[in-house]
Amino acid sequence: MTAKTIKFPSLPTGLSVSCKLRNLSTLAVLETVSLTAGAGDDASVYSGTVTGAHAGQLLFDLIISGQVVQSRIRTIQDTAGPWVIMTELEQIASNGRGANVVTITVTDGTNPLQNAIVRMSSGVLSEAVSTNASGIALFALDAATYTVSITRPGYNSSTATLVVSGTTSQSYALTAGAVTPPASPLVSTGVMLVLDENQAPEANISISLQMTEGPGVDGYALDSKVRTAVSNGSGVVQFTNLRRGATYAVWRGPANDTYSASAFVVQAAATRKTFVVPNSDSFNITEILGLDP
């Protein structure tokens, strides 16, 4: 067995970086390697040593500040290397290309909030990222003063100013928004976030919804009436009295439109998006549809 050097070039400096090696078939973690930045001209090249007897085709997860930002499949042999895993890496999953790593954490005051949309804006630059399961969104930005806008269905939007100068971390807590409680245990309230092509909340957009399949309860008649709601100033649409267990189709536009519901922008589609209402008082339609802003 030969110890192997792996290198990740073209990363911003001053990061906490590691790499997980995974079996490509089972995705089991074989080894976690700490990566260290070089000096001088190599300050943006992070290197580490693989000590285990791992060779062949592997999956490499690059981890920055505890978050997996990119994965690559790479074949390495049982020689010392160095093995370059990623060349010309898009810095932090294309969330900007500046030299300063910015970590934004979003919570509800206690717990992390996943799928919140964090937008960093300064002048003509505007970058948006969804938070991960830890409530974290990562950016690589130039030093400047930014407006931070955070939106998530079911919560009040937040806007703040953040000065970026070097590695920057900031936490924001969102407060729960007004969600209409269900009229009975048989129904639920669904909320949805509507964004434009720049991932900014879009107001005054019609979203239509129609039950396509009942909840499977004897004696329940299918309610096929089309319901349309308009997004508010935060881009949020709310539908009340959705039958738990029933299947609904949802699309962007009025009742006679043929557009699908999208988290981004009007998108022509032959079929509409469908979802099943969960057994809860309220839920996030965007998350159930799997729309990833």
Protein backbone atom coordinates (compact mmCIF):
# COMPACT_ATOMS: atom_id res chain seq x y z
CA MET A 1 0.00 0.00 0.00
CA THR A 2 1.32 3.42 -0.99
CA ALA A 3 0.40 6.68 0.70
CA LYS A 4 -1.08 8.95 -1.97
CA THR A 5 -1.10 12.74 -2.17
CA ILE A 6 -4.30 14.34 -3.47
CA LYS A 7 -4.58 17.97 -4.51
CA PHE A 8 -7.53 20.32 -4.99
CA PRO A 9 -6.46 23.46 -6.91
CA SER A 10 -8.14 26.81 -7.53
CA LEU A 11 -9.81 27.25 -4.13
CA PRO A 12 -10.04 30.51 -2.16
CA THR A 13 -7.49 30.83 0.62
CA GLY A 14 -8.19 30.64 4.35
CA LEU A 15 -10.65 27.74 4.23
CA SER A 16 -11.33 24.78 6.50
CA VAL A 17 -11.19 21.98 3.93
CA SER A 18 -11.39 18.20 3.99
CA CYS A 19 -12.29 15.41 1.60
CA LYS A 20 -14.29 12.23 2.04
CA LEU A 21 -13.37 9.24 -0.13
CA ARG A 22 -16.36 7.03 -0.89
CA ASN A 23 -16.88 3.64 -2.48
CA LEU A 24 -18.49 4.43 -5.82
CA SER A 25 -20.94 1.52 -5.60
CA THR A 26 -22.05 1.64 -1.97
CA LEU A 27 -21.17 5.31 -1.22
CA ALA A 28 -19.64 4.09 2.05
CA VAL A 29 -17.03 6.48 3.47
CA LEU A 30 -13.59 4.88 3.16
CA GLU A 31 -11.51 7.68 4.64
CA THR A 32 -11.70 11.37 5.53
CA VAL A 33 -8.62 13.38 4.55
CA SER A 34 -7.73 16.77 6.01
CA LEU A 35 -6.50 19.21 3.36
CA THR A 36 -3.95 21.97 3.93
CA ALA A 37 -3.31 25.01 1.75
CA GLY A 38 0.11 25.52 0.24
CA ALA A 39 2.27 28.62 0.50
CA GLY A 40 3.13 31.41 -1.92
CA ASP A 41 1.96 30.63 -5.44
CA ASP A 42 0.35 27.43 -4.14
CA ALA A 43 -1.83 29.16 -1.52
CA SER A 44 -4.96 28.19 -3.48
CA VAL A 45 -3.92 24.52 -3.76
CA TYR A 46 -5.08 22.26 -0.92
CA SER A 47 -3.30 18.93 -0.39
CA GLY A 48 -3.74 15.88 1.81
CA THR A 49 -2.54 12.30 2.17
CA VAL A 50 -4.63 9.19 1.63
CA THR A 51 -3.25 6.62 4.06
CA GLY A 52 -5.65 3.74 3.45
CA ALA A 53 -5.33 1.08 0.76
CA HIS A 54 -7.79 2.81 -1.53
CA ALA A 55 -7.24 2.87 -5.28
CA GLY A 56 -9.26 2.66 -8.47
CA GLN A 57 -12.40 4.64 -9.23
CA LEU A 58 -13.59 6.56 -6.16
CA LEU A 59 -16.02 9.34 -5.30
CA PHE A 60 -14.39 12.41 -3.73
CA ASP A 61 -16.56 14.79 -1.67
CA LEU A 62 -14.96 18.20 -1.17
CA ILE A 63 -16.05 19.63 2.20
CA ILE A 64 -15.69 23.32 3.09
CA SER A 65 -16.72 24.53 6.56
CA GLY A 66 -18.58 21.26 7.10
CA GLN A 67 -20.60 21.45 3.86
CA VAL A 68 -20.12 19.24 0.81
CA VAL A 69 -19.72 21.71 -2.04
CA GLN A 70 -18.73 19.43 -4.91
CA SER A 71 -18.21 15.75 -5.67
CA ARG A 72 -16.04 14.22 -8.36
CA ILE A 73 -15.43 10.68 -9.61
CA ARG A 74 -11.71 10.11 -10.08
CA THR A 75 -9.52 7.07 -10.73
CA ILE A 76 -6.29 6.92 -8.75
CA GLN A 77 -3.63 4.23 -8.78
CA ASP A 78 -1.56 2.77 -5.97
CA THR A 79 1.30 5.20 -6.50
CA ALA A 80 2.32 8.29 -4.57
CA GLY A 81 0.89 10.75 -7.07
CA PRO A 82 0.16 13.61 -6.53
CA TRP A 83 -3.33 13.03 -7.88
CA VAL A 84 -5.19 16.19 -8.88
CA ILE A 85 -8.86 15.60 -8.12
CA MET A 86 -10.35 18.84 -9.43
CA THR A 87 -8.80 21.31 -11.83
CA GLU A 88 -10.20 24.78 -12.45
CA LEU A 89 -12.75 24.15 -9.73
CA GLU A 90 -15.78 26.41 -9.86
CA GLN A 91 -15.33 28.09 -6.55
CA ILE A 92 -17.88 26.92 -4.03
CA ALA A 93 -20.40 25.54 -6.52
CA SER A 94 -20.47 28.72 -8.63
CA ASN A 95 -21.83 30.82 -5.77
CA GLY A 96 -19.75 33.81 -6.83
CA ARG A 97 -16.08 33.92 -7.75
CA GLY A 98 -14.57 36.27 -5.21
CA ALA A 99 -11.69 35.52 -2.85
CA ASN A 100 -13.69 35.80 0.40
CA VAL A 101 -15.62 32.82 1.72
CA VAL A 102 -18.96 33.88 3.22
CA THR A 103 -20.95 31.46 5.39
CA ILE A 104 -24.60 32.34 6.02
CA THR A 105 -26.53 30.29 8.57
CA VAL A 106 -30.33 30.52 8.71
CA THR A 107 -32.39 29.26 11.66
CA ASP A 108 -35.86 29.60 13.12
CA GLY A 109 -34.24 30.95 16.26
CA THR A 110 -33.40 27.46 17.49
CA ASN A 111 -33.14 24.98 14.63
CA PRO A 112 -31.51 25.28 11.18
CA LEU A 113 -33.82 26.01 8.24
CA GLN A 114 -33.25 24.06 5.04
CA ASN A 115 -34.23 25.39 1.59
CA ALA A 116 -34.24 29.04 2.59
CA ILE A 117 -33.20 31.25 -0.34
CA VAL A 118 -30.26 33.49 0.58
CA ARG A 119 -29.46 36.30 -1.85
CA MET A 120 -26.30 38.41 -1.63
CA SER A 121 -26.49 41.63 -3.68
CA SER A 122 -24.03 44.47 -4.25
CA GLY A 123 -24.37 46.78 -7.25
CA VAL A 124 -24.97 44.66 -10.34
CA LEU A 125 -23.81 41.47 -8.59
CA SER A 126 -26.53 39.23 -7.21
CA GLU A 127 -26.01 35.61 -6.13
CA ALA A 128 -28.63 33.30 -4.60
CA VAL A 129 -28.14 29.97 -2.83
CA SER A 130 -30.45 27.52 -1.01
CA THR A 131 -29.48 26.53 2.53
CA ASN A 132 -28.58 22.91 3.16
CA ALA A 133 -29.85 20.63 5.94
CA SER A 134 -27.64 22.51 8.41
CA GLY A 135 -29.18 25.83 7.37
CA ILE A 136 -25.93 26.91 5.67
CA ALA A 137 -25.39 28.73 2.37
CA LEU A 138 -21.83 29.30 1.13
CA PHE A 139 -20.60 32.08 -1.16
CA ALA A 140 -17.23 33.21 -2.56
CA LEU A 141 -17.45 36.99 -2.94
CA ASP A 142 -15.34 40.09 -3.42
CA ALA A 143 -14.88 42.44 -0.48
CA ALA A 144 -17.85 44.84 -0.45
CA THR A 145 -21.02 45.77 1.40
CA TYR A 146 -23.87 43.41 0.52
CA THR A 147 -27.61 43.33 1.02
CA VAL A 148 -28.62 39.93 2.39
CA SER A 149 -32.20 38.88 1.57
CA ILE A 150 -33.60 35.63 2.96
CA THR A 151 -36.96 34.07 2.06
CA ARG A 152 -38.66 30.80 2.93
CA PRO A 153 -42.33 29.79 2.70
CA GLY A 154 -44.01 29.91 6.09
CA TYR A 155 -41.58 32.50 7.44
CA ASN A 156 -41.30 36.26 7.30
CA SER A 157 -38.62 37.48 4.89
CA SER A 158 -35.47 39.08 6.29
CA THR A 159 -33.22 41.79 4.81
CA ALA A 160 -29.94 42.97 6.32
CA THR A 161 -26.62 44.57 5.40
CA LEU A 162 -23.38 42.61 5.64
CA VAL A 163 -19.83 43.90 5.16
CA VAL A 164 -17.59 41.25 3.59
CA SER A 165 -13.88 41.63 4.24
CA GLY A 166 -12.00 38.36 4.42
CA THR A 167 -13.64 35.14 5.61
CA THR A 168 -17.07 36.13 6.94
CA SER A 169 -19.73 34.23 8.89
CA GLN A 170 -23.16 35.50 9.89
CA SER A 171 -26.33 33.93 11.29
CA TYR A 172 -29.90 35.08 10.73
CA ALA A 173 -33.09 33.92 12.43
CA LEU A 174 -36.42 33.98 10.59
CA THR A 175 -39.71 34.37 12.41
CA ALA A 176 -42.69 32.21 11.56
CA GLY A 177 -45.12 33.88 9.18
CA ALA A 178 -48.87 33.88 9.34
CA VAL A 179 -50.13 30.51 8.09
CA THR A 180 -53.88 30.04 8.21
CA PRO A 181 -54.67 27.15 10.57
CA PRO A 182 -56.72 24.28 9.12
CA ALA A 183 -60.47 24.35 9.57
CA SER A 184 -60.53 20.67 10.56
CA PRO A 185 -58.16 17.72 11.12
CA LEU A 186 -58.99 16.53 7.59
CA VAL A 187 -57.40 19.47 5.77
CA SER A 188 -54.07 21.28 5.63
CA THR A 189 -52.60 24.63 4.54
CA GLY A 190 -49.97 24.62 1.78
CA VAL A 191 -47.52 27.45 1.09
CA MET A 192 -45.29 27.96 -1.95
CA LEU A 193 -42.46 30.34 -2.84
CA VAL A 194 -42.50 31.90 -6.33
CA LEU A 195 -39.21 33.24 -7.72
CA ASP A 196 -38.28 34.98 -10.96
CA GLU A 197 -35.42 33.99 -13.28
CA ASN A 198 -32.98 35.80 -10.98
CA GLN A 199 -34.24 33.84 -7.96
CA ALA A 200 -35.83 36.93 -6.42
CA PRO A 201 -39.30 36.64 -4.82
CA GLU A 202 -41.94 37.45 -7.41
CA ALA A 203 -45.17 39.20 -6.38
CA ASN A 204 -48.58 39.17 -8.10
CA ILE A 205 -48.07 35.83 -9.87
CA SER A 206 -51.07 33.52 -10.28
CA ILE A 207 -50.61 29.92 -9.15
CA SER A 208 -53.41 27.45 -9.85
CA LEU A 209 -54.19 24.19 -8.11
CA GLN A 210 -56.66 21.36 -8.75
CA MET A 211 -57.43 18.08 -7.00
CA THR A 212 -56.82 15.16 -9.37
CA GLU A 213 -57.28 12.24 -7.00
CA GLY A 214 -59.19 11.98 -3.74
CA PRO A 215 -57.75 10.78 -0.42
CA GLY A 216 -59.03 7.24 -0.88
CA VAL A 217 -61.73 7.56 1.76
CA ASP A 218 -65.13 5.96 1.13
CA GLY A 219 -67.90 8.44 0.56
CA TYR A 220 -65.56 11.30 -0.43
CA ALA A 221 -66.40 12.99 -3.73
CA LEU A 222 -63.59 14.38 -5.90
CA ASP A 223 -63.47 18.18 -5.79
CA SER A 224 -62.07 19.09 -9.21
CA LYS A 225 -62.62 22.84 -8.97
CA VAL A 226 -59.56 24.88 -10.02
CA ARG A 227 -58.35 27.27 -7.33
CA THR A 228 -56.04 30.20 -8.10
CA ALA A 229 -54.07 32.33 -5.64
CA VAL A 230 -51.70 35.26 -6.18
CA SER A 231 -48.23 35.55 -4.62
CA ASN A 232 -47.75 38.32 -2.07
CA GLY A 233 -44.90 40.82 -1.83
CA SER A 234 -42.59 38.09 -0.48
CA GLY A 235 -43.42 35.77 -3.37
CA VAL A 236 -45.46 33.46 -1.13
CA VAL A 237 -48.70 31.77 -2.19
CA GLN A 238 -50.99 30.10 0.35
CA PHE A 239 -53.73 27.52 -0.24
CA THR A 240 -56.05 26.57 2.62
CA ASN A 241 -58.34 23.57 3.13
CA LEU A 242 -56.31 21.09 1.08
CA ARG A 243 -57.62 17.58 1.76
CA ARG A 244 -55.01 15.47 3.54
CA GLY A 245 -54.04 12.42 1.48
CA ALA A 246 -55.46 13.85 -1.76
CA THR A 247 -53.38 14.43 -4.90
CA TYR A 248 -53.28 17.91 -6.43
CA ALA A 249 -51.91 19.33 -9.67
CA VAL A 250 -50.33 22.78 -9.49
CA TRP A 251 -49.15 25.10 -12.24
CA ARG A 252 -48.09 28.66 -12.82
CA GLY A 253 -50.77 30.86 -14.33
CA PRO A 254 -54.56 31.21 -14.20
CA ALA A 255 -56.99 28.33 -14.46
CA ASN A 256 -56.86 28.17 -18.27
CA ASP A 257 -53.04 28.33 -18.49
CA THR A 258 -50.83 25.37 -19.44
CA TYR A 259 -47.70 26.35 -17.52
CA SER A 260 -46.24 24.26 -14.73
CA ALA A 261 -45.45 25.54 -11.27
CA SER A 262 -41.76 26.39 -11.07
CA ALA A 263 -39.70 27.86 -8.28
CA PHE A 264 -38.02 30.07 -10.85
CA VAL A 265 -39.90 31.42 -13.85
CA VAL A 266 -42.69 30.60 -16.32
CA GLN A 267 -41.74 27.29 -17.88
CA ALA A 268 -43.81 25.63 -20.60
CA ALA A 269 -44.65 22.02 -19.81
CA ALA A 270 -47.00 19.41 -21.23
CA THR A 271 -47.80 18.03 -17.79
CA ARG A 272 -48.46 19.76 -14.51
CA LYS A 273 -46.63 19.15 -11.25
CA THR A 274 -48.48 16.93 -8.78
CA PHE A 275 -48.14 16.34 -5.04
CA VAL A 276 -49.93 14.54 -2.21
CA VAL A 277 -51.03 16.57 0.81
CA PRO A 278 -49.28 15.26 3.94
CA ASN A 279 -50.97 14.57 7.26
CA SER A 280 -49.95 17.87 8.89
CA ASP A 281 -51.52 21.22 9.70
CA SER A 282 -49.30 23.01 7.16
CA PHE A 283 -46.60 22.12 4.61
CA ASN A 284 -44.24 23.56 1.99
CA ILE A 285 -45.47 22.79 -1.53
CA THR A 286 -42.13 23.80 -3.08
CA GLU A 287 -40.22 21.23 -1.02
CA ILE A 288 -42.67 18.41 -1.78
CA LEU A 289 -42.42 19.12 -5.51
CA GLY A 290 -38.64 18.83 -5.27
CA LEU A 291 -38.12 22.27 -6.82
CA ASP A 292 -34.59 23.35 -5.95
CA PRO A 293 -34.08 27.06 -6.16
